[in-house]
Amino acid sequence: MVFIKNNQKQKIEETDKKPVAILNKWNAFKRKLAVRLQERFQLLSSQTKKYTLILFCVLFGGSSLAIIIHSAITKTGTLKITNITKPARVNEDNQATLQS
């Protein structure tokens, strides 16, 4: 970008810095949250961890199974497939002819 003036380059660099700063803050927040959750989870007993895992599997496995069964049973809102028609200007070898 040789033709860009210096003040335009500075504006571009400033706009590039804003998303980076937001992403850095977001990543720092996620890291702090992960550390806090890890510390809280380590305080639980092994039996509580097992029950939590079983509850998680039953809850999300059951909801996934319900969605699969519901989609298999219902017939409304299904995806309809239509045939694709060839344009009249396509040859037998599937090459389109160019008109001058």
N, C-alpha and C. Protein backbone atom coordinates (compact mmCIF):
# COMPACT_ATOMS: atom_id res chain seq x y z
N MET A 1 0.83 -1.16 0.00
CA MET A 1 0.00 0.00 0.00
C MET A 1 0.89 1.24 0.00
N VAL A 2 1.53 1.46 -1.10
CA VAL A 2 2.50 2.53 -1.24
C VAL A 2 1.81 3.89 -1.29
N PHE A 3 0.61 3.95 -1.80
CA PHE A 3 -0.06 5.22 -2.06
C PHE A 3 -0.81 5.78 -0.85
N ILE A 4 -0.78 5.11 0.25
CA ILE A 4 -1.47 5.60 1.44
C ILE A 4 -0.59 6.61 2.16
N LYS A 5 -1.19 7.72 2.55
CA LYS A 5 -0.45 8.75 3.27
C LYS A 5 -0.20 8.31 4.70
N ASN A 6 0.72 9.00 5.37
CA ASN A 6 1.08 8.62 6.73
C ASN A 6 -0.08 8.71 7.70
N ASN A 7 -0.91 9.76 7.58
CA ASN A 7 -2.02 9.89 8.52
C ASN A 7 -3.06 8.80 8.29
N GLN A 8 -3.22 8.35 7.05
CA GLN A 8 -4.13 7.24 6.79
C GLN A 8 -3.57 5.94 7.37
N LYS A 9 -2.26 5.76 7.30
CA LYS A 9 -1.65 4.57 7.89
C LYS A 9 -1.85 4.55 9.41
N GLN A 10 -1.74 5.73 10.03
CA GLN A 10 -1.93 5.79 11.47
C GLN A 10 -3.36 5.46 11.85
N LYS A 11 -4.33 5.92 11.06
CA LYS A 11 -5.73 5.60 11.33
C LYS A 11 -5.97 4.10 11.21
N ILE A 12 -5.37 3.47 10.19
CA ILE A 12 -5.53 2.03 10.01
C ILE A 12 -4.92 1.28 11.18
N GLU A 13 -3.73 1.72 11.63
CA GLU A 13 -3.07 1.05 12.75
C GLU A 13 -3.88 1.21 14.04
N GLU A 14 -4.50 2.39 14.24
CA GLU A 14 -5.31 2.61 15.44
C GLU A 14 -6.55 1.72 15.44
N THR A 15 -7.17 1.56 14.27
CA THR A 15 -8.36 0.72 14.20
C THR A 15 -7.98 -0.75 14.37
N ASP A 16 -6.77 -1.14 13.99
CA ASP A 16 -6.34 -2.51 14.19
C ASP A 16 -6.06 -2.81 15.65
N LYS A 17 -5.68 -1.80 16.42
CA LYS A 17 -5.35 -2.00 17.83
C LYS A 17 -6.59 -2.21 18.69
N LYS A 18 -7.72 -1.61 18.31
CA LYS A 18 -8.93 -1.71 19.12
C LYS A 18 -9.43 -3.14 19.25
N PRO A 19 -9.59 -3.90 18.16
CA PRO A 19 -10.05 -5.29 18.34
C PRO A 19 -9.06 -6.15 19.10
N VAL A 20 -7.77 -5.87 18.96
CA VAL A 20 -6.77 -6.65 19.67
C VAL A 20 -6.89 -6.43 21.17
N ALA A 21 -7.13 -5.19 21.57
CA ALA A 21 -7.28 -4.88 23.00
C ALA A 21 -8.52 -5.57 23.57
N ILE A 22 -9.60 -5.55 22.82
CA ILE A 22 -10.83 -6.21 23.27
C ILE A 22 -10.62 -7.71 23.38
N LEU A 23 -9.95 -8.30 22.39
CA LEU A 23 -9.69 -9.74 22.44
C LEU A 23 -8.78 -10.11 23.60
N ASN A 24 -7.79 -9.26 23.89
CA ASN A 24 -6.91 -9.54 25.02
C ASN A 24 -7.68 -9.51 26.34
N LYS A 25 -8.59 -8.54 26.49
CA LYS A 25 -9.41 -8.48 27.71
C LYS A 25 -10.34 -9.69 27.81
N TRP A 26 -10.91 -10.09 26.68
CA TRP A 26 -11.81 -11.24 26.67
C TRP A 26 -11.05 -12.51 27.05
N ASN A 27 -9.85 -12.69 26.49
CA ASN A 27 -9.05 -13.88 26.81
C ASN A 27 -8.63 -13.88 28.27
N ALA A 28 -8.30 -12.71 28.82
CA ALA A 28 -7.93 -12.63 30.24
C ALA A 28 -9.13 -12.99 31.11
N PHE A 29 -10.32 -12.52 30.74
CA PHE A 29 -11.53 -12.86 31.50
C PHE A 29 -11.80 -14.35 31.45
N LYS A 30 -11.67 -14.97 30.27
CA LYS A 30 -11.90 -16.41 30.16
C LYS A 30 -10.88 -17.20 30.98
N ARG A 31 -9.63 -16.74 31.00
CA ARG A 31 -8.61 -17.42 31.77
C ARG A 31 -8.91 -17.35 33.27
N LYS A 32 -9.32 -16.16 33.74
CA LYS A 32 -9.65 -16.00 35.17
C LYS A 32 -10.85 -16.86 35.54
N LEU A 33 -11.85 -16.91 34.67
CA LEU A 33 -13.03 -17.72 34.93
C LEU A 33 -12.67 -19.21 34.98
N ALA A 34 -11.81 -19.65 34.06
CA ALA A 34 -11.40 -21.06 34.05
C ALA A 34 -10.63 -21.42 35.31
N VAL A 35 -9.76 -20.55 35.76
CA VAL A 35 -9.00 -20.81 36.99
C VAL A 35 -9.93 -20.89 38.18
N ARG A 36 -10.89 -19.97 38.26
CA ARG A 36 -11.84 -19.97 39.38
C ARG A 36 -12.70 -21.23 39.39
N LEU A 37 -13.19 -21.62 38.22
CA LEU A 37 -14.00 -22.84 38.16
C LEU A 37 -13.18 -24.07 38.50
N GLN A 38 -11.93 -24.10 38.07
CA GLN A 38 -11.06 -25.23 38.39
C GLN A 38 -10.84 -25.32 39.90
N GLU A 39 -10.61 -24.20 40.54
CA GLU A 39 -10.39 -24.19 41.99
C GLU A 39 -11.64 -24.66 42.73
N ARG A 40 -12.81 -24.21 42.28
CA ARG A 40 -14.06 -24.60 42.95
C ARG A 40 -14.34 -26.08 42.73
N PHE A 41 -14.03 -26.60 41.54
CA PHE A 41 -14.30 -27.99 41.24
C PHE A 41 -13.36 -28.92 42.01
N GLN A 42 -12.15 -28.47 42.28
CA GLN A 42 -11.21 -29.29 43.04
C GLN A 42 -11.65 -29.47 44.49
N LEU A 43 -12.45 -28.56 44.99
CA LEU A 43 -12.92 -28.66 46.37
C LEU A 43 -14.00 -29.73 46.55
N LEU A 44 -14.62 -30.18 45.46
CA LEU A 44 -15.67 -31.18 45.54
C LEU A 44 -15.09 -32.55 45.83
N SER A 45 -15.88 -33.39 46.49
CA SER A 45 -15.43 -34.76 46.76
C SER A 45 -15.53 -35.58 45.47
N SER A 46 -14.88 -36.74 45.46
CA SER A 46 -14.88 -37.58 44.25
C SER A 46 -16.29 -38.11 43.97
N GLN A 47 -17.06 -38.39 45.03
CA GLN A 47 -18.43 -38.87 44.85
C GLN A 47 -19.30 -37.78 44.22
N THR A 48 -19.14 -36.55 44.63
CA THR A 48 -19.90 -35.44 44.06
C THR A 48 -19.51 -35.23 42.60
N LYS A 49 -18.23 -35.40 42.29
CA LYS A 49 -17.77 -35.27 40.91
C LYS A 49 -18.41 -36.34 40.02
N LYS A 50 -18.50 -37.57 40.56
CA LYS A 50 -19.12 -38.67 39.80
C LYS A 50 -20.60 -38.38 39.54
N TYR A 51 -21.30 -37.94 40.57
CA TYR A 51 -22.73 -37.62 40.40
C TYR A 51 -22.93 -36.46 39.43
N THR A 52 -22.05 -35.50 39.49
CA THR A 52 -22.13 -34.37 38.56
C THR A 52 -21.93 -34.84 37.13
N LEU A 53 -20.96 -35.72 36.90
CA LEU A 53 -20.71 -36.26 35.58
C LEU A 53 -21.90 -37.07 35.07
N ILE A 54 -22.47 -37.89 35.95
CA ILE A 54 -23.64 -38.69 35.56
C ILE A 54 -24.82 -37.78 35.22
N LEU A 55 -25.05 -36.76 36.04
CA LEU A 55 -26.13 -35.82 35.78
C LEU A 55 -25.92 -35.09 34.44
N PHE A 56 -24.69 -34.68 34.17
CA PHE A 56 -24.38 -34.00 32.92
C PHE A 56 -24.66 -34.92 31.72
N CYS A 57 -24.21 -36.17 31.80
CA CYS A 57 -24.40 -37.12 30.70
C CYS A 57 -25.89 -37.41 30.48
N VAL A 58 -26.63 -37.61 31.56
CA VAL A 58 -28.06 -37.90 31.44
C VAL A 58 -28.80 -36.70 30.87
N LEU A 59 -28.48 -35.52 31.36
CA LEU A 59 -29.17 -34.32 30.92
C LEU A 59 -28.94 -34.04 29.44
N PHE A 60 -27.69 -33.96 29.01
CA PHE A 60 -27.41 -33.61 27.62
C PHE A 60 -27.60 -34.79 26.67
N GLY A 61 -27.34 -36.00 27.15
CA GLY A 61 -27.63 -37.17 26.32
C GLY A 61 -29.12 -37.33 26.08
N GLY A 62 -29.90 -37.11 27.13
CA GLY A 62 -31.35 -37.20 27.00
C GLY A 62 -31.91 -36.13 26.08
N SER A 63 -31.38 -34.91 26.20
CA SER A 63 -31.88 -33.86 25.31
C SER A 63 -31.49 -34.12 23.86
N SER A 64 -30.30 -34.64 23.63
CA SER A 64 -29.89 -34.99 22.26
C SER A 64 -30.76 -36.10 21.71
N LEU A 65 -31.05 -37.10 22.53
CA LEU A 65 -31.91 -38.21 22.11
C LEU A 65 -33.32 -37.71 21.81
N ALA A 66 -33.82 -36.79 22.62
CA ALA A 66 -35.16 -36.24 22.39
C ALA A 66 -35.22 -35.47 21.07
N ILE A 67 -34.17 -34.73 20.76
CA ILE A 67 -34.13 -34.00 19.49
C ILE A 67 -34.08 -34.95 18.31
N ILE A 68 -33.31 -36.02 18.42
CA ILE A 68 -33.21 -37.00 17.33
C ILE A 68 -34.56 -37.69 17.12
N ILE A 69 -35.19 -38.12 18.21
CA ILE A 69 -36.49 -38.80 18.09
C ILE A 69 -37.54 -37.84 17.53
N HIS A 70 -37.55 -36.60 18.00
CA HIS A 70 -38.52 -35.63 17.51
C HIS A 70 -38.34 -35.37 16.01
N SER A 71 -37.10 -35.28 15.56
CA SER A 71 -36.87 -35.03 14.14
C SER A 71 -37.24 -36.24 13.29
N ALA A 72 -37.12 -37.45 13.85
CA ALA A 72 -37.47 -38.65 13.09
C ALA A 72 -38.98 -38.85 13.03
N ILE A 73 -39.71 -38.44 14.05
CA ILE A 73 -41.15 -38.67 14.11
C ILE A 73 -41.93 -37.63 13.32
N THR A 74 -41.57 -36.37 13.46
CA THR A 74 -42.36 -35.32 12.82
C THR A 74 -42.09 -35.27 11.33
N LYS A 75 -43.13 -35.02 10.57
CA LYS A 75 -43.01 -34.93 9.12
C LYS A 75 -43.13 -33.49 8.64
N THR A 76 -43.56 -32.59 9.48
CA THR A 76 -43.70 -31.20 9.06
C THR A 76 -42.35 -30.51 9.08
N GLY A 77 -42.18 -29.58 8.18
CA GLY A 77 -40.94 -28.81 8.14
C GLY A 77 -39.76 -29.59 7.61
N THR A 78 -40.02 -30.64 6.85
CA THR A 78 -38.91 -31.40 6.31
C THR A 78 -38.30 -30.66 5.13
N LEU A 79 -37.10 -31.01 4.82
CA LEU A 79 -36.38 -30.39 3.73
C LEU A 79 -36.84 -31.00 2.42
N LYS A 80 -37.28 -30.16 1.51
CA LYS A 80 -37.74 -30.64 0.22
C LYS A 80 -36.62 -30.49 -0.80
N ILE A 81 -36.41 -31.53 -1.58
CA ILE A 81 -35.36 -31.52 -2.58
C ILE A 81 -36.01 -31.39 -3.95
N THR A 82 -35.55 -30.42 -4.70
CA THR A 82 -36.09 -30.23 -6.04
C THR A 82 -35.03 -30.64 -7.06
N ASN A 83 -35.50 -31.09 -8.21
CA ASN A 83 -34.58 -31.49 -9.26
C ASN A 83 -33.90 -30.27 -9.88
N ILE A 84 -32.67 -30.45 -10.24
CA ILE A 84 -31.93 -29.38 -10.89
C ILE A 84 -32.12 -29.53 -12.40
N THR A 85 -32.54 -28.47 -13.03
CA THR A 85 -32.73 -28.52 -14.47
C THR A 85 -31.52 -27.94 -15.17
N LYS A 86 -31.16 -28.55 -16.30
CA LYS A 86 -30.03 -28.06 -17.07
C LYS A 86 -30.45 -26.85 -17.89
N PRO A 87 -29.60 -25.88 -17.99
CA PRO A 87 -29.90 -24.77 -18.89
C PRO A 87 -29.89 -25.27 -20.34
N ALA A 88 -30.60 -24.57 -21.21
CA ALA A 88 -30.72 -24.99 -22.61
C ALA A 88 -29.40 -24.85 -23.35
N ARG A 89 -28.49 -24.05 -22.87
CA ARG A 89 -27.25 -23.78 -23.58
C ARG A 89 -26.10 -24.68 -23.16
N VAL A 90 -26.36 -25.79 -22.50
CA VAL A 90 -25.30 -26.69 -22.08
C VAL A 90 -25.23 -27.86 -23.06
N ASN A 91 -24.03 -28.16 -23.54
CA ASN A 91 -23.82 -29.26 -24.47
C ASN A 91 -23.90 -30.60 -23.74
N GLU A 92 -23.75 -31.67 -24.51
CA GLU A 92 -23.80 -33.01 -23.91
C GLU A 92 -22.62 -33.26 -22.98
N ASP A 93 -21.50 -32.64 -23.24
CA ASP A 93 -20.33 -32.85 -22.39
C ASP A 93 -20.28 -31.83 -21.22
N ASN A 94 -21.43 -31.25 -20.91
CA ASN A 94 -21.61 -30.33 -19.77
C ASN A 94 -20.77 -29.07 -19.88
N GLN A 95 -20.45 -28.65 -21.07
CA GLN A 95 -19.75 -27.40 -21.29
C GLN A 95 -20.73 -26.35 -21.80
N ALA A 96 -20.72 -25.21 -21.19
CA ALA A 96 -21.63 -24.14 -21.60
C ALA A 96 -21.09 -23.49 -22.87
N THR A 97 -21.96 -23.20 -23.77
CA THR A 97 -21.54 -22.55 -25.01
C THR A 97 -21.55 -21.04 -24.81
N LEU A 98 -20.56 -20.40 -25.34
CA LEU A 98 -20.45 -18.96 -25.23
C LEU A 98 -21.04 -18.31 -26.47
N GLN A 99 -21.85 -17.32 -26.24
CA GLN A 99 -22.41 -16.58 -27.36
C GLN A 99 -21.58 -15.35 -27.61
N SER A 100 -21.29 -15.10 -28.87
CA SER A 100 -20.47 -13.93 -29.20
C SER A 100 -21.31 -12.68 -29.25
